[in-house]
């Protein structure tokens, strides 16, 4: 499966539908609306204004679709639901076009306005929905016929797991699950010998993260026994930040907390654990906001970068930038960039957190940390998608291992992109030890559970105040 190609197909389809709909609408106005107004035949001329609109309007439609998550989970689309969403977005988009482009047009009567809206809506919706329906039908057919599928890991090895596997595999039309293997719980193999005849035994619960990465798992189905229910929290906690779809057998519903959505997968009804933190449109707006702010800072304040780089270079020996591996979104490592605020070889004795009167910090570094200017290079991390402007601060694996021993829920931070600033950073500042990191953790957890554009703006305002007042810890 190539998701990028499928997304491109949808984008080209939507562009084509929007362009054809606008062209037909333009012809309709020239043939039916304008002759009534001018009392004469109006020739259909494709002028510069037409071609400008032909370029801009499909682009606006694509932006609307992107912001509402149309191109997310491109292989998991319900055709009926997609038709409904397309109709709703078509109504919103056509009304927006009417009030911005068409309302000022002179018409013979207001009835012409209503006709124009209806014609544009019918043209755009019919073309867009039809092309999407064709693409979705082709995809569904390929899934049903097992030409494509989602790499699926089965968690469990006893009777429930065996029965569920046989039921899904025995379906005449595939639900898209391509079983890569299974893992067992607490060394209880049970029916493992039966399952092994059909799919590989990949390990146990502690191997989940490694298996998911190595086998490129997209979906996990939890099918454990009642006697193994004490492990459900551990399993969900381990999977929660991996960015994969989690499903469980229905009789486990009463032991799960959080928002769940019931769905039927042909002959095997399963519960989908929904872990969406923000609506899709807010996630899209947050990412657009991140890119805009990053480009603005990197371009407008390029002179500040130059001054800081020169200052760091002449203040002490060593490189201008400090780059180090951190753990980010979905537990993936990335390299964070800062202006160097410590002397070289500051961690020759091993990883260590900085303290209030840390002798490893240079005199310039003390200033940079107070006003948070050492974090400026991270706008590049935001631009390339490793980080967000607002989000929990990323940590090194060395300290994460220590934190998780005392606070296993730390892994929830990996559900979102780490940030340059966060509520924990604003409230607590830099942590000097693992206990302080755990203390700061509760603020970041609360932030994740209440994420919104409004909350991000509040945190940014307080961050700016801290920078201006030099109150950084």
Protein backbone atom coordinates (compact mmCIF):
# COMPACT_ATOMS: atom_id res chain seq x y z
CA UNK A 1 0.00 0.00 0.00
CA UNK A 2 1.30 3.41 -0.94
CA UNK A 3 -0.64 5.99 1.06
CA UNK A 4 1.05 8.94 -0.63
CA UNK A 5 -0.10 7.81 -4.06
CA UNK A 6 -3.65 7.30 -2.76
CA UNK A 7 -3.65 10.81 -1.24
CA UNK A 8 -2.38 12.25 -4.54
CA UNK A 9 -5.24 10.48 -6.35
CA UNK A 10 -7.77 12.11 -4.02
CA UNK A 11 -6.14 15.53 -4.37
CA UNK A 12 -6.09 15.34 -8.18
CA UNK A 13 -9.68 14.10 -8.15
CA UNK A 14 -10.81 16.99 -5.93
CA UNK A 15 -8.89 19.54 -8.01
CA UNK A 16 -10.42 18.21 -11.22
CA UNK A 17 -13.94 18.20 -9.74
CA UNK A 18 -13.60 21.75 -8.39
CA UNK A 19 -12.18 23.05 -11.68
CA UNK A 20 -14.85 21.40 -13.86
CA UNK A 21 -17.65 22.50 -11.50
CA UNK A 22 -16.45 26.11 -11.59
CA UNK A 23 -16.07 26.05 -15.39
CA UNK A 24 -19.59 24.69 -15.87
CA UNK A 25 -20.94 27.23 -13.38
CA UNK A 26 -19.16 30.02 -15.24
CA UNK A 27 -20.76 28.88 -18.51
CA UNK A 28 -24.16 28.64 -16.79
CA UNK A 29 -23.92 32.26 -15.62
CA UNK A 30 -22.92 33.46 -19.10
CA UNK A 31 -25.73 31.53 -20.79
CA UNK A 32 -28.62 31.93 -18.32
CA UNK A 33 -27.99 34.59 -15.64
CA UNK A 34 -26.22 37.44 -17.45
CA UNK A 35 -28.49 37.51 -20.55
CA UNK A 36 -31.45 38.21 -18.25
CA UNK A 37 -29.55 41.07 -16.64
CA UNK A 38 -28.24 42.68 -19.86
CA UNK A 39 -31.21 41.68 -22.08
CA UNK A 40 -28.90 40.28 -24.74
CA UNK A 41 -26.84 37.21 -25.51
CA UNK A 42 -23.55 37.24 -23.60
CA UNK A 43 -20.63 35.44 -25.27
CA UNK A 44 -18.79 32.83 -23.23
CA UNK A 45 -15.29 34.28 -23.02
CA UNK A 46 -12.66 32.72 -20.76
CA UNK A 47 -10.79 35.84 -19.66
CA UNK A 48 -8.04 36.45 -17.10
CA UNK A 49 -10.52 36.68 -14.23
CA UNK A 50 -11.87 33.25 -15.11
CA UNK A 51 -8.43 31.63 -15.14
CA UNK A 52 -7.47 33.37 -11.89
CA UNK A 53 -10.61 31.99 -10.24
CA UNK A 54 -9.96 28.61 -11.85
CA UNK A 55 -6.60 28.53 -10.06
CA UNK A 56 -7.64 30.00 -6.71
CA UNK A 57 -10.99 28.31 -6.08
CA UNK A 58 -9.77 24.67 -6.35
CA UNK A 59 -6.84 25.64 -4.11
CA UNK A 60 -9.27 26.98 -1.49
CA UNK A 61 -11.30 23.77 -1.70
CA UNK A 62 -8.11 21.75 -1.07
CA UNK A 63 -7.36 23.89 1.99
CA UNK A 64 -10.86 23.24 3.35
CA UNK A 65 -10.46 19.49 2.80
CA UNK A 66 -7.01 19.47 4.41
CA UNK A 67 -8.17 21.39 7.48
CA UNK A 68 -11.09 19.00 8.01
CA UNK A 69 -8.94 15.87 7.72
CA UNK A 70 -10.26 14.59 4.38
CA UNK A 71 -6.89 13.14 3.42
CA UNK A 72 -6.26 11.49 6.78
CA UNK A 73 -6.68 7.69 7.06
CA UNK A 74 -7.15 7.59 3.32
CA UNK A 75 -7.60 3.80 3.18
CA UNK A 76 -10.17 3.64 5.99
CA UNK A 77 -13.05 5.56 4.47
CA UNK A 78 -16.73 4.75 4.80
CA UNK A 79 -18.36 5.61 1.48
CA UNK A 80 -21.69 6.58 3.06
CA UNK A 81 -20.03 8.77 5.68
CA UNK A 82 -17.79 10.33 3.04
CA UNK A 83 -20.80 11.32 0.93
CA UNK A 84 -22.35 13.03 3.97
CA UNK A 85 -19.12 14.87 4.81
CA UNK A 86 -18.69 15.93 1.18
CA UNK A 87 -22.23 17.36 1.13
CA UNK A 88 -21.65 19.31 4.36
CA UNK A 89 -18.32 20.74 3.18
CA UNK A 90 -19.81 21.55 -0.22
CA UNK A 91 -22.59 23.59 1.42
CA UNK A 92 -20.08 25.45 3.62
CA UNK A 93 -17.67 26.08 0.74
CA UNK A 94 -20.32 27.20 -1.75
CA UNK A 95 -21.78 29.65 0.78
CA UNK A 96 -18.27 31.01 1.41
CA UNK A 97 -17.73 31.47 -2.35
CA UNK A 98 -21.12 33.14 -2.72
CA UNK A 99 -20.53 35.70 0.04
CA UNK A 100 -16.97 36.50 -1.06
CA UNK A 101 -17.25 36.43 -4.87
CA UNK A 102 -20.86 36.41 -6.06
CA UNK A 103 -22.87 38.57 -3.67
CA UNK A 104 -21.75 41.85 -5.26
CA UNK A 105 -22.87 40.79 -8.73
CA UNK A 106 -25.85 42.64 -10.12
CA UNK A 107 -28.76 40.35 -10.94
CA UNK A 108 -32.26 40.83 -12.26
CA UNK A 109 -33.83 39.36 -9.11
CA UNK A 110 -32.80 37.65 -5.89
CA UNK A 111 -34.11 34.42 -7.37
CA UNK A 112 -30.98 34.40 -9.54
CA UNK A 113 -28.84 34.36 -6.38
CA UNK A 114 -30.66 31.29 -5.10
CA UNK A 115 -30.37 29.57 -8.46
CA UNK A 116 -26.64 30.32 -8.63
CA UNK A 117 -26.02 28.87 -5.19
CA UNK A 118 -28.05 25.75 -6.00
CA UNK A 119 -26.39 25.17 -9.38
CA UNK A 120 -22.87 25.59 -8.01
CA UNK A 121 -23.68 23.33 -5.04
CA UNK A 122 -25.15 20.59 -7.24
CA UNK A 123 -22.26 20.75 -9.71
CA UNK A 124 -19.52 20.75 -7.09
CA UNK A 125 -21.06 18.12 -4.82
CA UNK A 126 -22.04 15.76 -7.64
CA UNK A 127 -18.63 15.81 -9.32
CA UNK A 128 -16.62 15.64 -6.08
CA UNK A 129 -18.73 12.95 -4.43
CA UNK A 130 -18.88 10.83 -7.60
CA UNK A 131 -15.12 10.79 -8.14
CA UNK A 132 -14.48 10.09 -4.47
CA UNK A 133 -17.06 7.30 -4.49
CA UNK A 134 -15.26 5.69 -7.43
CA UNK A 135 -11.88 5.90 -5.67
CA UNK A 136 -13.30 4.57 -2.39
CA UNK A 137 -15.10 1.73 -4.17
CA UNK A 138 -11.91 0.66 -5.93
CA UNK A 139 -10.05 0.75 -2.60
CA UNK A 140 -12.77 -1.21 -0.79
CA UNK A 141 -12.79 -3.83 -3.54
CA UNK A 142 -9.01 -4.25 -3.26
CA UNK A 143 -9.31 -4.59 0.52
CA UNK A 144 -12.20 -7.08 0.32
CA UNK A 145 -10.29 -9.18 -2.20
CA UNK A 146 -7.16 -9.09 0.03
CA UNK A 147 -5.05 -7.29 -2.56
CA UNK A 148 -4.16 -4.73 0.11
CA UNK A 149 -4.38 -4.86 3.90
CA UNK A 150 -3.25 -3.33 7.17
CA UNK A 151 -0.40 -4.97 9.05
CA UNK A 152 -2.16 -6.29 12.15
CA UNK A 153 -0.78 -7.64 15.42
CA UNK A 154 -2.91 -9.91 17.60
CA UNK A 155 -2.41 -9.48 21.36
CA UNK A 156 -3.42 -12.70 23.08
CA UNK A 157 -2.81 -16.36 22.50
CA UNK A 158 -5.62 -18.29 24.13
CA UNK A 159 -9.13 -19.23 23.05
CA UNK A 160 -10.41 -15.69 22.45
CA UNK A 161 -7.46 -14.87 20.20
CA UNK A 162 -7.75 -18.13 18.26
CA UNK A 163 -11.51 -17.76 17.72
CA UNK A 164 -11.20 -14.12 16.67
CA UNK A 165 -8.41 -14.93 14.22
CA UNK A 166 -10.41 -17.76 12.65
CA UNK A 167 -13.52 -15.58 12.41
CA UNK A 168 -11.72 -12.68 10.69
CA UNK A 169 -9.73 -14.92 8.36
CA UNK A 170 -12.85 -16.93 7.51
CA UNK A 171 -14.76 -13.91 6.22
CA UNK A 172 -15.70 -14.07 2.55
CA UNK A 173 -14.86 -10.37 2.22
CA UNK A 174 -11.73 -9.31 4.05
CA UNK A 175 -11.95 -6.49 6.59
CA UNK A 176 -8.39 -5.48 5.69
CA UNK A 177 -6.53 -7.17 8.53
CA UNK A 178 -3.25 -8.67 7.36
CA UNK A 179 -2.08 -10.62 10.40
CA UNK A 180 1.68 -10.39 10.85
CA UNK A 181 1.75 -12.41 14.07
CA UNK A 182 0.68 -12.55 17.70
CA UNK A 183 2.14 -11.93 21.16
CA UNK A 184 1.21 -13.76 24.35
CA UNK A 185 0.61 -12.43 27.86
CA UNK A 186 2.59 -13.35 30.98
CA UNK A 187 4.12 -16.50 29.50
CA UNK A 188 0.67 -18.11 29.25
CA UNK A 189 0.83 -19.73 25.86
CA UNK A 190 -2.51 -21.51 25.99
CA UNK A 191 -3.61 -21.97 22.38
CA UNK A 192 -0.31 -20.57 21.09
CA UNK A 193 0.52 -23.86 19.43
CA UNK A 194 -2.73 -23.64 17.43
CA UNK A 195 -2.16 -20.02 16.44
CA UNK A 196 1.44 -20.72 15.44
CA UNK A 197 0.16 -23.03 12.72
CA UNK A 198 -1.35 -19.98 10.99
CA UNK A 199 0.62 -16.91 12.07
CA UNK A 200 4.06 -16.42 13.69
CA UNK A 201 4.52 -16.07 17.43
CA UNK A 202 6.48 -12.78 17.69
CA UNK A 203 7.07 -12.52 21.44
CA UNK A 204 5.40 -11.31 24.61
CA UNK A 205 3.95 -8.08 26.00
CA UNK A 206 7.34 -6.51 26.66
CA UNK A 207 8.24 -6.84 22.97
CA UNK A 208 5.27 -4.77 21.72
CA UNK A 209 7.18 -1.58 20.93
CA UNK A 210 9.96 -3.40 19.07
CA UNK A 211 7.50 -5.52 17.08
CA UNK A 212 5.37 -2.52 16.10
CA UNK A 213 8.41 -0.70 14.74
CA UNK A 214 10.08 -3.67 13.05
CA UNK A 215 6.90 -5.05 11.44
CA UNK A 216 5.39 -1.62 10.62
CA UNK A 217 2.19 -2.51 12.48
CA UNK A 218 -0.83 -0.31 11.66
CA UNK A 219 -3.47 -2.04 13.77
CA UNK A 220 -3.50 -3.99 17.03
CA UNK A 221 -6.39 -6.23 18.07
CA UNK A 222 -6.50 -7.11 21.78
CA UNK A 223 -8.12 -10.51 22.35
CA UNK A 224 -7.08 -11.63 25.83
CA UNK A 225 -8.86 -13.83 28.35
CA UNK A 226 -10.73 -12.69 31.46
CA UNK A 227 -7.90 -14.03 33.61
CA UNK A 228 -5.50 -11.69 31.80
CA UNK A 229 -7.53 -8.51 32.26
CA UNK A 230 -5.08 -7.10 34.79
CA UNK A 231 -2.79 -6.46 31.82
CA UNK A 232 -5.25 -4.32 29.85
CA UNK A 233 -3.98 -1.03 31.31
CA UNK A 234 -0.39 -1.99 30.56
CA UNK A 235 -1.25 -2.95 26.98
CA UNK A 236 -3.23 0.21 26.15
CA UNK A 237 -0.60 2.38 27.84
CA UNK A 238 2.11 0.76 25.72
CA UNK A 239 0.14 1.25 22.50
CA UNK A 240 -1.38 4.64 23.21
CA UNK A 241 1.42 6.76 21.75
CA UNK A 242 2.37 4.53 18.84
CA UNK A 243 -0.06 6.17 16.39
CA UNK A 244 -1.81 2.92 15.54
CA UNK A 245 -5.44 1.79 15.56
CA UNK A 246 -6.37 -0.19 18.68
CA UNK A 247 -9.33 -2.57 18.72
CA UNK A 248 -10.64 -4.93 21.39
CA UNK A 249 -13.23 -7.69 21.54
CA UNK A 250 -16.62 -6.42 22.85
CA UNK A 251 -16.68 -8.32 26.16
CA UNK A 252 -13.80 -6.13 27.35
CA UNK A 253 -15.82 -2.95 27.00
CA UNK A 254 -16.73 -2.73 30.69
CA UNK A 255 -13.07 -2.64 31.78
CA UNK A 256 -11.99 0.12 29.40
CA UNK A 257 -12.14 3.81 30.20
CA UNK A 258 -12.06 6.74 27.84
CA UNK A 259 -13.94 7.47 24.63
CA UNK A 260 -14.72 4.43 22.52
CA UNK A 261 -16.57 4.03 19.28
CA UNK A 262 -18.46 0.90 18.38
CA UNK A 263 -17.97 -0.48 14.90
CA UNK A 264 -18.79 -3.74 13.15
CA UNK A 265 -16.14 -5.33 10.95
CA UNK A 266 -18.32 -7.72 8.98
CA UNK A 267 -18.62 -10.92 11.05
CA UNK A 268 -16.28 -9.74 13.83
CA UNK A 269 -17.67 -6.75 15.73
CA UNK A 270 -14.89 -4.92 17.57
CA UNK A 271 -14.57 -1.82 19.71
CA UNK A 272 -12.28 0.90 18.39
CA UNK A 273 -10.49 2.84 21.11
CA UNK A 274 -10.63 6.47 19.99
CA UNK A 275 -7.67 8.50 21.24
CA UNK A 276 -8.10 11.69 19.21
CA UNK A 277 -6.91 14.53 21.42
CA UNK A 278 -8.03 17.39 19.18
CA UNK A 279 -10.53 17.57 16.32
CA UNK A 280 -8.86 17.04 12.95
CA UNK A 281 -9.42 20.63 11.87
CA UNK A 282 -7.71 21.94 15.02
CA UNK A 283 -4.77 19.60 14.48
CA UNK A 284 -4.42 20.98 10.95
CA UNK A 285 -4.70 24.58 12.12
CA UNK A 286 -2.11 23.92 14.84
CA UNK A 287 0.35 22.56 12.26
CA UNK A 288 -0.26 25.49 9.88
CA UNK A 289 0.23 27.86 12.81
CA UNK A 290 3.52 26.10 13.69
CA UNK A 291 4.84 26.42 10.14
CA UNK A 292 3.79 30.08 9.85
CA UNK A 293 5.34 31.08 13.19
CA UNK A 294 8.55 29.16 12.43
CA UNK A 295 9.01 30.79 9.01
CA UNK A 296 8.25 34.19 10.51
CA UNK A 297 10.81 33.81 13.30
CA UNK A 298 13.50 32.25 11.10
CA UNK A 299 13.20 35.01 8.47
CA UNK A 300 12.32 38.15 10.43
CA UNK A 301 14.71 37.41 13.30
CA UNK A 302 17.56 36.06 11.19
CA UNK A 303 19.68 39.00 12.39
CA UNK A 304 19.12 37.85 16.00
CA UNK A 305 20.35 34.37 15.04
CA UNK A 306 23.48 35.91 13.53
CA UNK A 307 24.21 38.02 16.63
CA UNK A 308 23.63 35.08 18.99
CA UNK A 309 25.79 32.77 16.88
CA UNK A 310 28.69 35.24 16.94
CA UNK A 311 28.23 35.83 20.69
CA UNK A 312 28.26 32.10 21.49
CA UNK A 313 31.34 31.58 19.33
CA UNK A 314 33.43 34.32 20.95
CA UNK A 315 32.21 33.74 24.52
CA UNK A 316 33.73 30.28 24.93
CA UNK A 317 35.39 27.50 22.97
CA UNK A 318 33.16 25.06 21.16
CA UNK A 319 30.49 24.92 18.45
CA UNK A 320 27.72 27.48 18.13
CA UNK A 321 24.92 24.91 18.24
CA UNK A 322 24.27 22.04 20.61
CA UNK A 323 22.46 19.11 19.01
CA UNK A 324 21.35 16.08 20.96
CA UNK A 325 18.94 13.19 20.52
CA UNK A 326 15.51 13.47 22.12
CA UNK A 327 12.43 11.26 22.03
CA UNK A 328 9.48 12.82 20.26
CA UNK A 329 6.12 12.13 18.67
CA UNK A 330 5.09 8.44 18.82
CA UNK A 331 8.34 7.68 20.66
CA UNK A 332 10.53 8.40 17.62
CA UNK A 333 14.00 9.87 18.26
CA UNK A 334 15.08 13.14 16.64
CA UNK A 335 17.88 15.67 17.08
CA UNK A 336 16.98 18.86 18.93
CA UNK A 337 19.01 22.02 18.25
CA UNK A 338 19.95 24.79 20.69
CA UNK A 339 22.45 27.59 20.98
CA UNK A 340 25.21 26.14 23.14
CA UNK A 341 24.88 27.45 26.71
CA UNK A 342 27.45 25.17 28.41
CA UNK A 343 31.18 24.64 28.16
CA UNK A 344 32.32 21.82 25.89
CA UNK A 345 32.51 18.33 27.44
CA UNK A 346 29.85 19.35 29.98
CA UNK A 347 28.62 15.75 30.10
CA UNK A 348 31.92 13.90 29.94
CA UNK A 349 30.90 12.09 33.14
CA UNK A 350 27.52 11.08 31.70
CA UNK A 351 24.06 12.66 31.18
CA UNK A 352 23.21 15.23 33.85
CA UNK A 353 20.49 17.83 34.27
CA UNK A 354 21.43 21.45 34.82
CA UNK A 355 20.94 23.16 38.18
CA UNK A 356 20.42 26.77 39.29
CA UNK A 357 24.12 27.47 39.90
CA UNK A 358 25.52 24.94 37.43
CA UNK A 359 29.26 25.63 36.85
CA UNK A 360 28.98 24.01 33.42
CA UNK A 361 26.84 26.91 32.14
CA UNK A 362 28.75 29.76 30.49
CA UNK A 363 28.12 33.38 31.56
CA UNK A 364 26.39 34.00 28.23
CA UNK A 365 24.50 30.73 28.71
CA UNK A 366 23.00 32.02 31.97
CA UNK A 367 21.53 34.96 30.06
CA UNK A 368 20.36 32.84 27.14
CA UNK A 369 18.54 30.48 29.47
CA UNK A 370 16.88 33.27 31.42
CA UNK A 371 15.34 34.75 28.29
CA UNK A 372 14.98 31.34 26.58
CA UNK A 373 17.01 32.44 23.55
CA UNK A 374 18.98 29.19 23.66
CA UNK A 375 15.81 27.51 22.37
CA UNK A 376 15.60 29.71 19.23
CA UNK A 377 17.13 27.14 16.82
CA UNK A 378 14.25 24.79 17.62
CA UNK A 379 12.01 26.74 15.26
CA UNK A 380 13.83 24.74 12.58
CA UNK A 381 12.74 21.54 14.38
CA UNK A 382 9.17 22.87 14.30
CA UNK A 383 9.40 23.72 10.61
CA UNK A 384 10.46 20.19 9.60
CA UNK A 385 7.79 18.59 11.79
CA UNK A 386 9.85 17.17 14.67
CA UNK A 387 8.32 19.60 17.15
CA UNK A 388 5.48 22.04 17.71
CA UNK A 389 5.66 25.58 19.06
CA UNK A 390 3.60 24.47 22.09
CA UNK A 391 3.89 20.97 23.51
CA UNK A 392 5.58 18.97 26.29
CA UNK A 393 9.35 19.42 26.40
CA UNK A 394 11.19 16.43 24.88
CA UNK A 395 13.60 14.41 27.03
CA UNK A 396 16.49 12.04 26.49
CA UNK A 397 15.90 8.30 26.64
CA UNK A 398 18.31 8.10 29.59
CA UNK A 399 15.98 10.21 31.76
CA UNK A 400 12.77 8.81 30.29
CA UNK A 401 13.78 5.34 31.51
CA UNK A 402 14.16 6.73 35.03
CA UNK A 403 10.89 8.67 34.89
CA UNK A 404 8.85 5.71 33.60
CA UNK A 405 9.99 3.59 36.55
CA UNK A 406 8.20 6.03 38.87
CA UNK A 407 5.56 7.42 36.50
CA UNK A 408 4.60 5.00 33.69
CA UNK A 409 2.05 7.53 32.39
CA UNK A 410 4.94 9.64 31.09
CA UNK A 411 4.52 7.78 27.79
CA UNK A 412 1.29 9.72 27.22
CA UNK A 413 3.45 12.74 26.35
CA UNK A 414 4.52 10.95 23.19
CA UNK A 415 0.98 11.17 21.83
CA UNK A 416 1.74 14.72 20.66
CA UNK A 417 4.65 16.56 19.13
CA UNK A 418 7.03 17.95 21.76
CA UNK A 419 7.20 21.74 21.95
CA UNK A 420 9.54 24.68 22.36
CA UNK A 421 7.39 25.82 25.25
CA UNK A 422 4.75 24.10 27.35
CA UNK A 423 2.51 24.65 30.33
CA UNK A 424 4.94 22.60 32.41
CA UNK A 425 7.79 24.85 31.23
CA UNK A 426 5.84 28.01 31.99
CA UNK A 427 4.73 26.79 35.43
CA UNK A 428 7.89 24.96 36.46
CA UNK A 429 10.80 25.93 34.22
CA UNK A 430 13.81 23.65 33.74
CA UNK A 431 13.81 20.55 35.98
CA UNK A 432 16.98 19.85 37.97
CA UNK A 433 16.30 16.20 38.78
CA UNK A 434 13.99 13.31 37.93
CA UNK A 435 11.61 14.10 40.80
CA UNK A 436 11.15 17.63 39.47
CA UNK A 437 10.59 16.21 35.98
CA UNK A 438 7.83 14.04 37.41
CA UNK A 439 6.38 17.06 39.22
CA UNK A 440 6.34 18.99 35.95
CA UNK A 441 4.78 15.99 34.21
CA UNK A 442 1.34 16.54 35.71
CA UNK A 443 1.08 19.94 34.02
CA UNK A 444 1.97 18.44 30.65
CA UNK A 445 -0.58 15.63 31.09
CA UNK A 446 -3.29 18.17 31.92
CA UNK A 447 -2.27 20.17 28.84
CA UNK A 448 -2.61 17.12 26.58
CA UNK A 449 -6.07 16.33 27.92
CA UNK A 450 -7.15 19.97 27.29
CA UNK A 451 -5.30 20.73 24.06
CA UNK A 452 -6.80 23.46 21.91
CA UNK A 453 -5.69 26.43 19.84
CA UNK A 454 -6.92 28.73 22.62
CA UNK A 455 -4.80 26.99 25.27
CA UNK A 456 -1.75 27.19 22.99
CA UNK A 457 -2.22 30.94 22.56
CA UNK A 458 -2.44 31.45 26.34
CA UNK A 459 0.79 29.47 26.89
CA UNK A 460 2.52 31.48 24.16
CA UNK A 461 1.47 34.78 25.77
CA UNK A 462 2.87 33.70 29.14
CA UNK A 463 6.05 32.46 27.48
CA UNK A 464 6.57 35.84 25.79
CA UNK A 465 6.07 37.57 29.16
CA UNK A 466 8.67 35.28 30.78
CA UNK A 467 11.14 36.01 27.97
CA UNK A 468 10.59 39.79 28.18
CA UNK A 469 10.92 39.78 31.98
CA UNK A 470 13.87 37.38 32.02
CA UNK A 471 12.16 35.05 34.50
CA UNK A 472 13.27 31.83 32.83
CA UNK A 473 14.49 29.17 35.23
